Amino acid sequence: MGKEELHTAEHIFARALQNLGVDLHVIKVDTENGAVGNAIFNEKIGPELLWKAEREVNAVVSKGWEVSEESFSSLDEAKAKYPKLRMREERLEGKETFRLVMIGDYDYSMCKNRHVGNTSQIRLFTLKNVSYPESHTKIEFLAAEDAVEYLLGIGDGAIGAGIAHNFEPVNLPKMYEKGLQGYAESEAELSTFVEAMLKDGKRVFKVEGIEISKFYKVLRKYIDKNDESYVVFLNERQLLCLWGSKCKTDMAGLGKALLDSSQLTGAVKEGSINGRIKDSEKAYGIIDRFLKG
C-alpha cells in the first residue's frame, strides 16, 4: 500500500485527537517504512479516546475531502492565514519556504511528505496496537487495503477457530464488528466500508444493530457489476442475499435450506433471498456450512 494513504491518515488522526481535547505533543511518526504506521506521543492517551479518534478518522475519510498544498515564505504568514495550523517548529528551523498540507477545512499541517489527493483514497483506517512505554502512548496503525485485509483476517481467523474447535462462529470479532458498526452513521460512510470489504473478497456479513435496508443500494450496485458473484447480509432478525445471473453457486438452494430449517420466513426469487429469520446464529451456521460444503 502506498505511503501517501498511511501518512495522510496520520494527519487526520492527530487532528482528531486534538479535537477530542488532547494537548498533543508528537515525539515520533514513521509512515515511510513498511505497511504499518507508528506514532509515539508524549501524553498517555486512554483507549477510549483513541477509539473515538479512529472513528472520526473514518468519518473524514468517507467525506471525500480534497487534500491540497500551499507554500509560504514564512511561518508567521502561514499562522496568520491558518490559526489552527499544526507543526513542529524545531523541524522547520532554517527553511526558506514552508509547505502546508490542507485536508478540506479539517486540518492544516506543515509537512514535506507525499499525500493522497482526496481522503476517499484512504478507504479505511484502523489501529492495530496500542502500548504505553514510559508513560508515553505508542500506536501502530493501518490504512487502505492493509486495514481492510487486517480486519478481514480477524474475521476469517475467528471462523477458522470456530470450525477447528467445533463451535459455530456466529459473532464476528470485536474489531471487525466495530469496523461495520462504527461507520454506520450515514449511508455514505457505510457504503464506503462495505465496498472495501466486497472488493477484498468478503461475501457473507453478520451485523447487529444495523438495518439491512441500508446495505441494499451498495449490494445491488456490486452485483450489477459482478454478475458471477453473490453477497449475503443478515442481522438479528432479517436476511438479504443477492446474486448475479452468472453466479455458479446454488444460492436458490441456500434459500431452500433456510426455508426447510424454518429459519427463514420470506421469499426466494431469481437472484435474491429476502425475509425474516428466526435465529440469526442458527441461520448463520446454515449459511456457513452450505457455502463451504
C-alpha atoms as a PDB file:
ATOM      1  CA  MET A   1       0.000   0.000   0.000  1.00  0.00           C
ATOM      2  CA  GLY A   2       1.247   3.486  -0.811  1.00  0.00           C
ATOM      3  CA  LYS A   3       2.757   5.622   1.901  1.00  0.00           C
ATOM      4  CA  GLU A   4       0.512   8.519   0.888  1.00  0.00           C
ATOM      5  CA  GLU A   5      -2.605   6.881   2.355  1.00  0.00           C
ATOM      6  CA  LEU A   6      -0.872   5.993   5.604  1.00  0.00           C
ATOM      7  CA  HIS A   7       0.665   9.416   6.110  1.00  0.00           C
ATOM      8  CA  THR A   8      -2.481  11.372   5.270  1.00  0.00           C
ATOM      9  CA  ALA A   9      -4.444   9.180   7.689  1.00  0.00           C
ATOM     10  CA  GLU A  10      -1.910  10.041  10.408  1.00  0.00           C
ATOM     11  CA  HIS A  11      -2.562  13.758   9.830  1.00  0.00           C
ATOM     12  CA  ILE A  12      -6.301  13.213  10.293  1.00  0.00           C
ATOM     13  CA  PHE A  13      -5.756  11.062  13.395  1.00  0.00           C
ATOM     14  CA  ALA A  14      -3.585  13.719  15.053  1.00  0.00           C
ATOM     15  CA  ARG A  15      -6.220  16.375  14.376  1.00  0.00           C
ATOM     16  CA  ALA A  16      -8.973  14.065  15.656  1.00  0.00           C
ATOM     17  CA  LEU A  17      -7.125  13.655  18.964  1.00  0.00           C
ATOM     18  CA  GLN A  18      -6.776  17.427  19.285  1.00  0.00           C
ATOM     19  CA  ASN A  19     -10.488  17.826  18.547  1.00  0.00           C
ATOM     20  CA  LEU A  20     -11.132  15.455  21.458  1.00  0.00           C
ATOM     21  CA  GLY A  21      -9.193  17.715  23.793  1.00  0.00           C
ATOM     22  CA  VAL A  22      -5.772  16.049  23.787  1.00  0.00           C
ATOM     23  CA  ASP A  23      -2.903  18.538  24.128  1.00  0.00           C
ATOM     24  CA  LEU A  24      -0.868  16.552  21.649  1.00  0.00           C
ATOM     25  CA  HIS A  25       2.931  16.505  21.593  1.00  0.00           C
ATOM     26  CA  VAL A  26       4.359  14.207  18.934  1.00  0.00           C
ATOM     27  CA  ILE A  27       7.661  12.519  19.728  1.00  0.00           C
ATOM     28  CA  LYS A  28       7.996  10.441  16.558  1.00  0.00           C
ATOM     29  CA  VAL A  29       5.980   9.409  13.499  1.00  0.00           C
ATOM     30  CA  ASP A  30       7.002   6.806  10.927  1.00  0.00           C
ATOM     31  CA  THR A  31       4.808   6.160   7.905  1.00  0.00           C
ATOM     32  CA  GLU A  32       7.604   5.644   5.392  1.00  0.00           C
ATOM     33  CA  ASN A  33       8.853   2.176   6.326  1.00  0.00           C
ATOM     34  CA  GLY A  34       6.565  -0.740   5.602  1.00  0.00           C
ATOM     35  CA  ALA A  35       2.789  -1.132   5.690  1.00  0.00           C
ATOM     36  CA  VAL A  36       2.351  -0.347   9.396  1.00  0.00           C
ATOM     37  CA  GLY A  37       2.471   3.234  10.605  1.00  0.00           C
ATOM     38  CA  ASN A  38       3.945   4.078  14.009  1.00  0.00           C
ATOM     39  CA  ALA A  39       3.490   7.131  16.185  1.00  0.00           C
ATOM     40  CA  ILE A  40       4.665   7.971  19.701  1.00  0.00           C
ATOM     41  CA  PHE A  41       3.010  10.742  21.687  1.00  0.00           C
ATOM     42  CA  ASN A  42       4.367  12.305  24.846  1.00  0.00           C
ATOM     43  CA  GLU A  43       0.985  12.031  26.605  1.00  0.00           C
ATOM     44  CA  LYS A  44      -0.678   8.888  27.915  1.00  0.00           C
ATOM     45  CA  ILE A  45      -3.890   8.735  25.888  1.00  0.00           C
ATOM     46  CA  GLY A  46      -6.545   6.304  27.081  1.00  0.00           C
ATOM     47  CA  PRO A  47      -8.042   3.651  24.783  1.00  0.00           C
ATOM     48  CA  GLU A  48     -11.478   5.259  24.744  1.00  0.00           C
ATOM     49  CA  LEU A  49     -10.124   8.494  23.252  1.00  0.00           C
ATOM     50  CA  LEU A  50      -8.014   6.546  20.747  1.00  0.00           C
ATOM     51  CA  TRP A  51     -11.060   4.592  19.526  1.00  0.00           C
ATOM     52  CA  LYS A  52     -13.090   7.801  19.247  1.00  0.00           C
ATOM     53  CA  ALA A  53     -10.296   9.375  17.212  1.00  0.00           C
ATOM     54  CA  GLU A  54     -10.151   6.288  14.979  1.00  0.00           C
ATOM     55  CA  ARG A  55     -13.863   6.623  14.333  1.00  0.00           C
ATOM     56  CA  GLU A  56     -13.503  10.316  13.493  1.00  0.00           C
ATOM     57  CA  VAL A  57     -10.724   9.497  11.012  1.00  0.00           C
ATOM     58  CA  ASN A  58     -13.014   7.132   9.120  1.00  0.00           C
ATOM     59  CA  ALA A  59     -15.804   9.702   9.135  1.00  0.00           C
ATOM     60  CA  VAL A  60     -13.410  12.193   7.497  1.00  0.00           C
ATOM     61  CA  VAL A  61     -12.219   9.536   5.045  1.00  0.00           C
ATOM     62  CA  SER A  62     -15.790   8.860   3.918  1.00  0.00           C
ATOM     63  CA  LYS A  63     -16.478  12.555   3.218  1.00  0.00           C
ATOM     64  CA  GLY A  64     -14.092  12.590   0.258  1.00  0.00           C
ATOM     65  CA  TRP A  65     -12.404  15.867   1.156  1.00  0.00           C
ATOM     66  CA  GLU A  66      -9.749  17.308  -1.122  1.00  0.00           C
ATOM     67  CA  VAL A  67      -6.135  17.264   0.083  1.00  0.00           C
ATOM     68  CA  SER A  68      -4.177  20.238  -1.250  1.00  0.00           C
ATOM     69  CA  GLU A  69      -0.935  22.158  -0.718  1.00  0.00           C
ATOM     70  CA  GLU A  70       0.094  25.771  -0.275  1.00  0.00           C
ATOM     71  CA  SER A  71       3.556  27.295   0.067  1.00  0.00           C
ATOM     72  CA  PHE A  72       4.587  30.172   2.333  1.00  0.00           C
ATOM     73  CA  SER A  73       7.747  32.221   2.661  1.00  0.00           C
ATOM     74  CA  SER A  74       7.428  32.465   6.448  1.00  0.00           C
ATOM     75  CA  LEU A  75       5.765  30.691   9.355  1.00  0.00           C
ATOM     76  CA  ASP A  76       4.176  33.931  10.512  1.00  0.00           C
ATOM     77  CA  GLU A  77       2.431  34.256   7.157  1.00  0.00           C
ATOM     78  CA  ALA A  78       1.098  30.684   7.425  1.00  0.00           C
ATOM     79  CA  LYS A  79      -0.031  31.152  11.035  1.00  0.00           C
ATOM     80  CA  ALA A  80      -1.846  34.355  10.160  1.00  0.00           C
ATOM     81  CA  LYS A  81      -3.849  32.651   7.442  1.00  0.00           C
ATOM     82  CA  TYR A  82      -4.417  29.357   9.315  1.00  0.00           C
ATOM     83  CA  PRO A  83      -4.510  29.936  13.107  1.00  0.00           C
ATOM     84  CA  LYS A  84      -5.188  26.203  13.765  1.00  0.00           C
ATOM     85  CA  LEU A  85      -2.006  25.223  11.936  1.00  0.00           C
ATOM     86  CA  ARG A  86      -0.221  22.136  13.320  1.00  0.00           C
ATOM     87  CA  MET A  87       3.575  21.955  13.124  1.00  0.00           C
ATOM     88  CA  ARG A  88       6.782  21.071  14.916  1.00  0.00           C
ATOM     89  CA  GLU A  89       8.700  24.328  14.764  1.00  0.00           C
ATOM     90  CA  GLU A  90      12.034  22.762  15.716  1.00  0.00           C
ATOM     91  CA  ARG A  91      11.948  20.760  12.472  1.00  0.00           C
ATOM     92  CA  LEU A  92      11.358  23.867  10.371  1.00  0.00           C
ATOM     93  CA  GLU A  93      14.308  25.954  11.548  1.00  0.00           C
ATOM     94  CA  GLY A  94      16.481  27.258   8.717  1.00  0.00           C
ATOM     95  CA  LYS A  95      13.961  26.596   5.948  1.00  0.00           C
ATOM     96  CA  GLU A  96      13.243  29.323   3.393  1.00  0.00           C
ATOM     97  CA  THR A  97       9.898  28.002   2.175  1.00  0.00           C
ATOM     98  CA  PHE A  98       7.188  26.181   4.077  1.00  0.00           C
ATOM     99  CA  ARG A  99       4.791  23.639   2.600  1.00  0.00           C
ATOM    100  CA  LEU A 100       1.327  23.452   4.119  1.00  0.00           C
ATOM    101  CA  VAL A 101      -0.901  20.408   3.569  1.00  0.00           C
ATOM    102  CA  MET A 102      -4.646  21.086   3.877  1.00  0.00           C
ATOM    103  CA  ILE A 103      -7.281  18.381   4.341  1.00  0.00           C
ATOM    104  CA  GLY A 104     -10.517  20.104   3.401  1.00  0.00           C
ATOM    105  CA  ASP A 105     -11.184  22.641   6.126  1.00  0.00           C
ATOM    106  CA  TYR A 106     -10.424  19.975   8.737  1.00  0.00           C
ATOM    107  CA  ASP A 107      -6.643  20.025   9.190  1.00  0.00           C
ATOM    108  CA  TYR A 108      -3.723  22.275   8.291  1.00  0.00           C
ATOM    109  CA  SER A 109      -0.226  20.945   8.876  1.00  0.00           C
ATOM    110  CA  MET A 110       3.311  21.728   7.766  1.00  0.00           C
ATOM    111  CA  CYS A 111       4.702  18.633   6.061  1.00  0.00           C
ATOM    112  CA  LYS A 112       7.182  17.617   3.371  1.00  0.00           C
ATOM    113  CA  ASN A 113       5.821  14.119   2.707  1.00  0.00           C
ATOM    114  CA  ARG A 114       3.519  12.908  -0.077  1.00  0.00           C
ATOM    115  CA  HIS A 115      -0.241  12.709   0.447  1.00  0.00           C
ATOM    116  CA  VAL A 116      -3.330  11.450  -1.339  1.00  0.00           C
ATOM    117  CA  GLY A 117      -5.387  13.865  -3.412  1.00  0.00           C
ATOM    118  CA  ASN A 118      -8.677  13.010  -1.707  1.00  0.00           C
ATOM    119  CA  THR A 119      -9.477  11.422   1.657  1.00  0.00           C
ATOM    120  CA  SER A 120     -11.636   8.755  -0.024  1.00  0.00           C
ATOM    121  CA  GLN A 121      -8.421   7.191  -1.359  1.00  0.00           C
ATOM    122  CA  ILE A 122      -7.572   6.126   2.205  1.00  0.00           C
ATOM    123  CA  ARG A 123     -10.679   3.896   2.237  1.00  0.00           C
ATOM    124  CA  LEU A 124     -10.239   2.703   5.827  1.00  0.00           C
ATOM    125  CA  PHE A 125      -8.116   3.437   8.909  1.00  0.00           C
ATOM    126  CA  THR A 126      -7.655   1.152  11.905  1.00  0.00           C
ATOM    127  CA  LEU A 127      -5.466   0.967  14.976  1.00  0.00           C
ATOM    128  CA  LYS A 128      -3.514  -2.267  15.164  1.00  0.00           C
ATOM    129  CA  ASN A 129      -1.745  -1.957  18.503  1.00  0.00           C
ATOM    130  CA  VAL A 130      -1.527   0.440  21.454  1.00  0.00           C
ATOM    131  CA  SER A 131       1.110   0.416  24.195  1.00  0.00           C
ATOM    132  CA  TYR A 132       2.368   2.797  26.888  1.00  0.00           C
ATOM    133  CA  PRO A 133       6.183   2.748  27.103  1.00  0.00           C
ATOM    134  CA  GLU A 134       7.493   5.089  29.821  1.00  0.00           C
ATOM    135  CA  SER A 135       4.055   6.734  30.178  1.00  0.00           C
ATOM    136  CA  HIS A 136       4.040   7.700  26.503  1.00  0.00           C
ATOM    137  CA  THR A 137       1.481   6.432  24.007  1.00  0.00           C
ATOM    138  CA  LYS A 138       2.698   4.314  21.116  1.00  0.00           C
ATOM    139  CA  ILE A 139       0.298   3.274  18.383  1.00  0.00           C
ATOM    140  CA  GLU A 140       0.562   1.107  15.300  1.00  0.00           C
ATOM    141  CA  PHE A 141      -1.977   1.789  12.570  1.00  0.00           C
ATOM    142  CA  LEU A 142      -3.001   0.681   9.089  1.00  0.00           C
ATOM    143  CA  ALA A 143      -4.751   2.336   6.167  1.00  0.00           C
ATOM    144  CA  ALA A 144      -6.457   1.414   2.885  1.00  0.00           C
ATOM    145  CA  GLU A 145      -6.144  -2.205   1.693  1.00  0.00           C
ATOM    146  CA  ASP A 146      -3.818  -3.084   4.567  1.00  0.00           C
ATOM    147  CA  ALA A 147      -6.503  -2.033   7.066  1.00  0.00           C
ATOM    148  CA  VAL A 148      -9.185  -3.964   5.189  1.00  0.00           C
ATOM    149  CA  GLU A 149      -7.012  -7.079   4.991  1.00  0.00           C
ATOM    150  CA  TYR A 150      -6.227  -6.855   8.702  1.00  0.00           C
ATOM    151  CA  LEU A 151      -9.898  -6.701   9.704  1.00  0.00           C
ATOM    152  CA  LEU A 152     -10.794  -9.465   7.263  1.00  0.00           C
ATOM    153  CA  GLY A 153      -8.024 -11.592   8.746  1.00  0.00           C
ATOM    154  CA  ILE A 154      -9.502 -11.200  12.214  1.00  0.00           C
ATOM    155  CA  GLY A 155     -12.897 -12.277  10.938  1.00  0.00           C
ATOM    156  CA  ASP A 156     -11.555 -15.234   8.971  1.00  0.00           C
ATOM    157  CA  GLY A 157      -9.391 -16.290  11.917  1.00  0.00           C
ATOM    158  CA  ALA A 158     -12.409 -16.448  14.188  1.00  0.00           C
ATOM    159  CA  ILE A 159     -14.326 -18.540  11.676  1.00  0.00           C
ATOM    160  CA  GLY A 160     -11.378 -20.924  11.340  1.00  0.00           C
ATOM    161  CA  ALA A 161     -11.079 -21.238  15.103  1.00  0.00           C
ATOM    162  CA  GLY A 162     -14.780 -21.982  15.366  1.00  0.00           C
ATOM    163  CA  ILE A 163     -14.535 -24.821  12.858  1.00  0.00           C
ATOM    164  CA  ALA A 164     -11.393 -26.253  14.451  1.00  0.00           C
ATOM    165  CA  HIS A 165     -12.923 -26.302  17.939  1.00  0.00           C
ATOM    166  CA  ASN A 166     -16.415 -27.371  16.903  1.00  0.00           C
ATOM    167  CA  PHE A 167     -18.436 -24.289  17.744  1.00  0.00           C
ATOM    168  CA  GLU A 168     -20.392 -22.011  15.472  1.00  0.00           C
ATOM    169  CA  PRO A 169     -18.518 -18.737  14.800  1.00  0.00           C
ATOM    170  CA  VAL A 170     -21.695 -16.709  14.970  1.00  0.00           C
ATOM    171  CA  ASN A 171     -20.192 -13.397  16.108  1.00  0.00           C
ATOM    172  CA  LEU A 172     -17.531 -11.501  14.250  1.00  0.00           C
ATOM    173  CA  PRO A 173     -14.614 -10.405  16.456  1.00  0.00           C
ATOM    174  CA  LYS A 174     -14.954  -7.031  18.124  1.00  0.00           C
ATOM    175  CA  MET A 175     -12.518  -5.229  15.850  1.00  0.00           C
ATOM    176  CA  TYR A 176     -14.260  -6.445  12.696  1.00  0.00           C
ATOM    177  CA  GLU A 177     -17.722  -5.822  14.132  1.00  0.00           C
ATOM    178  CA  LYS A 178     -16.612  -2.328  15.137  1.00  0.00           C
ATOM    179  CA  GLY A 179     -15.483  -1.789  11.569  1.00  0.00           C
ATOM    180  CA  LEU A 180     -19.058  -2.140  10.383  1.00  0.00           C
ATOM    181  CA  GLN A 181     -20.965  -0.604  13.256  1.00  0.00           C
ATOM    182  CA  GLY A 182     -18.557   2.249  13.889  1.00  0.00           C
ATOM    183  CA  TYR A 183     -19.127   3.774  10.456  1.00  0.00           C
ATOM    184  CA  ALA A 184     -22.867   3.293  10.165  1.00  0.00           C
ATOM    185  CA  GLU A 185     -23.874   6.878  10.963  1.00  0.00           C
ATOM    186  CA  SER A 186     -24.726   7.560   7.334  1.00  0.00           C
ATOM    187  CA  GLU A 187     -25.338   5.502   4.232  1.00  0.00           C
ATOM    188  CA  ALA A 188     -22.321   7.117   2.572  1.00  0.00           C
ATOM    189  CA  GLU A 189     -19.974   6.056   5.363  1.00  0.00           C
ATOM    190  CA  LEU A 190     -21.475   2.585   5.465  1.00  0.00           C
ATOM    191  CA  SER A 191     -21.235   2.164   1.705  1.00  0.00           C
ATOM    192  CA  THR A 192     -17.564   3.146   1.676  1.00  0.00           C
ATOM    193  CA  PHE A 193     -16.725   0.467   4.205  1.00  0.00           C
ATOM    194  CA  VAL A 194     -18.880  -2.267   2.631  1.00  0.00           C
ATOM    195  CA  GLU A 195     -17.473  -1.564  -0.831  1.00  0.00           C
ATOM    196  CA  ALA A 196     -13.974  -2.047   0.567  1.00  0.00           C
ATOM    197  CA  MET A 197     -14.987  -5.357   2.143  1.00  0.00           C
ATOM    198  CA  LEU A 198     -16.555  -6.619  -1.081  1.00  0.00           C
ATOM    199  CA  LYS A 199     -13.569  -5.593  -3.167  1.00  0.00           C
ATOM    200  CA  ASP A 200     -11.321  -7.596  -0.877  1.00  0.00           C
ATOM    201  CA  GLY A 201     -13.378 -10.771  -1.107  1.00  0.00           C
ATOM    202  CA  LYS A 202     -15.845 -10.704   1.771  1.00  0.00           C
ATOM    203  CA  ARG A 203     -19.214 -12.160   0.742  1.00  0.00           C
ATOM    204  CA  VAL A 204     -21.039 -13.065   3.962  1.00  0.00           C
ATOM    205  CA  PHE A 205     -21.645 -10.447   6.657  1.00  0.00           C
ATOM    206  CA  LYS A 206     -23.320 -10.797  10.051  1.00  0.00           C
ATOM    207  CA  VAL A 207     -24.069  -7.465  11.694  1.00  0.00           C
ATOM    208  CA  GLU A 208     -26.008  -6.251  14.694  1.00  0.00           C
ATOM    209  CA  GLY A 209     -27.980  -3.085  15.253  1.00  0.00           C
ATOM    210  CA  ILE A 210     -27.955  -2.012  11.596  1.00  0.00           C
ATOM    211  CA  GLU A 211     -30.969  -2.151   9.294  1.00  0.00           C
ATOM    212  CA  ILE A 212     -30.357  -4.418   6.323  1.00  0.00           C
ATOM    213  CA  SER A 213     -32.083  -1.925   4.026  1.00  0.00           C
ATOM    214  CA  LYS A 214     -29.079   0.391   4.440  1.00  0.00           C
ATOM    215  CA  PHE A 215     -26.991  -2.143   2.523  1.00  0.00           C
ATOM    216  CA  TYR A 216     -29.290  -2.670  -0.446  1.00  0.00           C
ATOM    217  CA  LYS A 217     -28.002   0.043  -2.801  1.00  0.00           C
ATOM    218  CA  VAL A 218     -24.337  -0.814  -2.432  1.00  0.00           C
ATOM    219  CA  LEU A 219     -25.033  -4.560  -2.709  1.00  0.00           C
ATOM    220  CA  ARG A 220     -27.179  -4.137  -5.814  1.00  0.00           C
ATOM    221  CA  LYS A 221     -24.535  -1.927  -7.387  1.00  0.00           C
ATOM    222  CA  TYR A 222     -21.886  -4.554  -6.669  1.00  0.00           C
ATOM    223  CA  ILE A 223     -23.935  -7.431  -8.131  1.00  0.00           C
ATOM    224  CA  ASP A 224     -24.815  -5.410 -11.224  1.00  0.00           C
ATOM    225  CA  LYS A 225     -21.098  -5.021 -11.895  1.00  0.00           C
ATOM    226  CA  ASN A 226     -20.151  -8.577 -10.791  1.00  0.00           C
ATOM    227  CA  ASP A 227     -22.929 -10.827 -12.026  1.00  0.00           C
ATOM    228  CA  GLU A 228     -20.949 -14.005 -11.323  1.00  0.00           C
ATOM    229  CA  SER A 229     -20.858 -13.248  -7.597  1.00  0.00           C
ATOM    230  CA  TYR A 230     -23.154 -13.213  -4.536  1.00  0.00           C
ATOM    231  CA  VAL A 231     -23.477 -11.354  -1.239  1.00  0.00           C
ATOM    232  CA  VAL A 232     -25.234 -12.333   1.993  1.00  0.00           C
ATOM    233  CA  PHE A 233     -26.133  -9.949   4.833  1.00  0.00           C
ATOM    234  CA  LEU A 234     -28.023 -10.771   7.988  1.00  0.00           C
ATOM    235  CA  ASN A 235     -28.719  -9.046  11.276  1.00  0.00           C
ATOM    236  CA  GLU A 236     -30.622 -10.175  14.375  1.00  0.00           C
ATOM    237  CA  ARG A 237     -33.910 -10.587  12.524  1.00  0.00           C
ATOM    238  CA  GLN A 238     -33.532 -10.209   8.769  1.00  0.00           C
ATOM    239  CA  LEU A 239     -31.576 -11.696   5.871  1.00  0.00           C
ATOM    240  CA  LEU A 240     -30.798 -10.297   2.448  1.00  0.00           C
ATOM    241  CA  CYS A 241     -28.977 -12.222  -0.265  1.00  0.00           C
ATOM    242  CA  LEU A 242     -28.350 -11.112  -3.850  1.00  0.00           C
ATOM    243  CA  TRP A 243     -26.593 -12.895  -6.687  1.00  0.00           C
ATOM    244  CA  GLY A 244     -25.930 -12.337 -10.367  1.00  0.00           C
ATOM    245  CA  SER A 245     -27.196 -14.233 -13.408  1.00  0.00           C
ATOM    246  CA  LYS A 246     -23.794 -15.895 -13.965  1.00  0.00           C
ATOM    247  CA  CYS A 247     -23.315 -16.991 -10.347  1.00  0.00           C
ATOM    248  CA  LYS A 248     -22.365 -20.687 -10.224  1.00  0.00           C
ATOM    249  CA  THR A 249     -23.123 -21.101  -6.507  1.00  0.00           C
ATOM    250  CA  ASP A 250     -26.576 -22.572  -5.874  1.00  0.00           C
ATOM    251  CA  MET A 251     -27.947 -19.630  -3.936  1.00  0.00           C
ATOM    252  CA  ALA A 252     -31.537 -20.728  -4.542  1.00  0.00           C
ATOM    253  CA  GLY A 253     -30.520 -23.975  -2.847  1.00  0.00           C
ATOM    254  CA  LEU A 254     -29.316 -21.953   0.127  1.00  0.00           C
ATOM    255  CA  GLY A 255     -32.707 -20.268   0.303  1.00  0.00           C
ATOM    256  CA  LYS A 256     -34.432 -23.660   0.259  1.00  0.00           C
ATOM    257  CA  ALA A 257     -32.149 -24.916   3.050  1.00  0.00           C
ATOM    258  CA  LEU A 258     -33.065 -21.907   5.182  1.00  0.00           C
ATOM    259  CA  LEU A 259     -36.771 -22.364   4.477  1.00  0.00           C
ATOM    260  CA  ASP A 260     -36.637 -26.104   5.183  1.00  0.00           C
ATOM    261  CA  SER A 261     -34.931 -25.445   8.519  1.00  0.00           C
ATOM    262  CA  SER A 262     -37.711 -22.987   9.439  1.00  0.00           C
ATOM    263  CA  GLN A 263     -35.060 -20.323   9.999  1.00  0.00           C
ATOM    264  CA  LEU A 264     -36.345 -18.140   7.153  1.00  0.00           C
ATOM    265  CA  THR A 265     -39.762 -16.659   6.572  1.00  0.00           C
ATOM    266  CA  GLY A 266     -39.700 -14.866   3.261  1.00  0.00           C
ATOM    267  CA  ALA A 267     -39.217 -15.163  -0.466  1.00  0.00           C
ATOM    268  CA  VAL A 268     -36.615 -16.962  -2.536  1.00  0.00           C
ATOM    269  CA  LYS A 269     -36.712 -15.419  -6.000  1.00  0.00           C
ATOM    270  CA  GLU A 270     -34.497 -15.415  -9.049  1.00  0.00           C
ATOM    271  CA  GLY A 271     -31.457 -13.510  -7.898  1.00  0.00           C
ATOM    272  CA  SER A 272     -32.495 -12.789  -4.316  1.00  0.00           C
ATOM    273  CA  ILE A 273     -33.452 -14.089  -0.881  1.00  0.00           C
ATOM    274  CA  ASN A 274     -35.178 -11.645   1.436  1.00  0.00           C
ATOM    275  CA  GLY A 275     -37.051 -12.232   4.655  1.00  0.00           C
ATOM    276  CA  ARG A 276     -37.128 -12.522   8.404  1.00  0.00           C
ATOM    277  CA  ILE A 277     -35.002 -15.057  10.241  1.00  0.00           C
ATOM    278  CA  LYS A 278     -35.915 -16.884  13.406  1.00  0.00           C
ATOM    279  CA  ASP A 279     -32.468 -17.267  14.981  1.00  0.00           C
ATOM    280  CA  SER A 280     -29.536 -15.355  13.477  1.00  0.00           C
ATOM    281  CA  GLU A 281     -26.936 -17.668  14.990  1.00  0.00           C
ATOM    282  CA  LYS A 282     -28.524 -20.804  13.552  1.00  0.00           C
ATOM    283  CA  ALA A 283     -29.150 -19.108  10.210  1.00  0.00           C
ATOM    284  CA  TYR A 284     -25.527 -18.017  10.033  1.00  0.00           C
ATOM    285  CA  GLY A 285     -24.424 -21.573  10.782  1.00  0.00           C
ATOM    286  CA  ILE A 286     -26.581 -22.942   7.929  1.00  0.00           C
ATOM    287  CA  ILE A 287     -25.207 -20.335   5.522  1.00  0.00           C
ATOM    288  CA  ASP A 288     -21.604 -21.019   6.548  1.00  0.00           C
ATOM    289  CA  ARG A 289     -21.933 -24.794   6.154  1.00  0.00           C
ATOM    290  CA  PHE A 290     -23.824 -24.544   2.860  1.00  0.00           C
ATOM    291  CA  LEU A 291     -21.312 -22.227   1.203  1.00  0.00           C
ATOM    292  CA  LYS A 292     -18.337 -24.241   2.417  1.00  0.00           C
ATOM    293  CA  GLY A 293     -19.932 -27.602   1.611  1.00  0.00           C
END
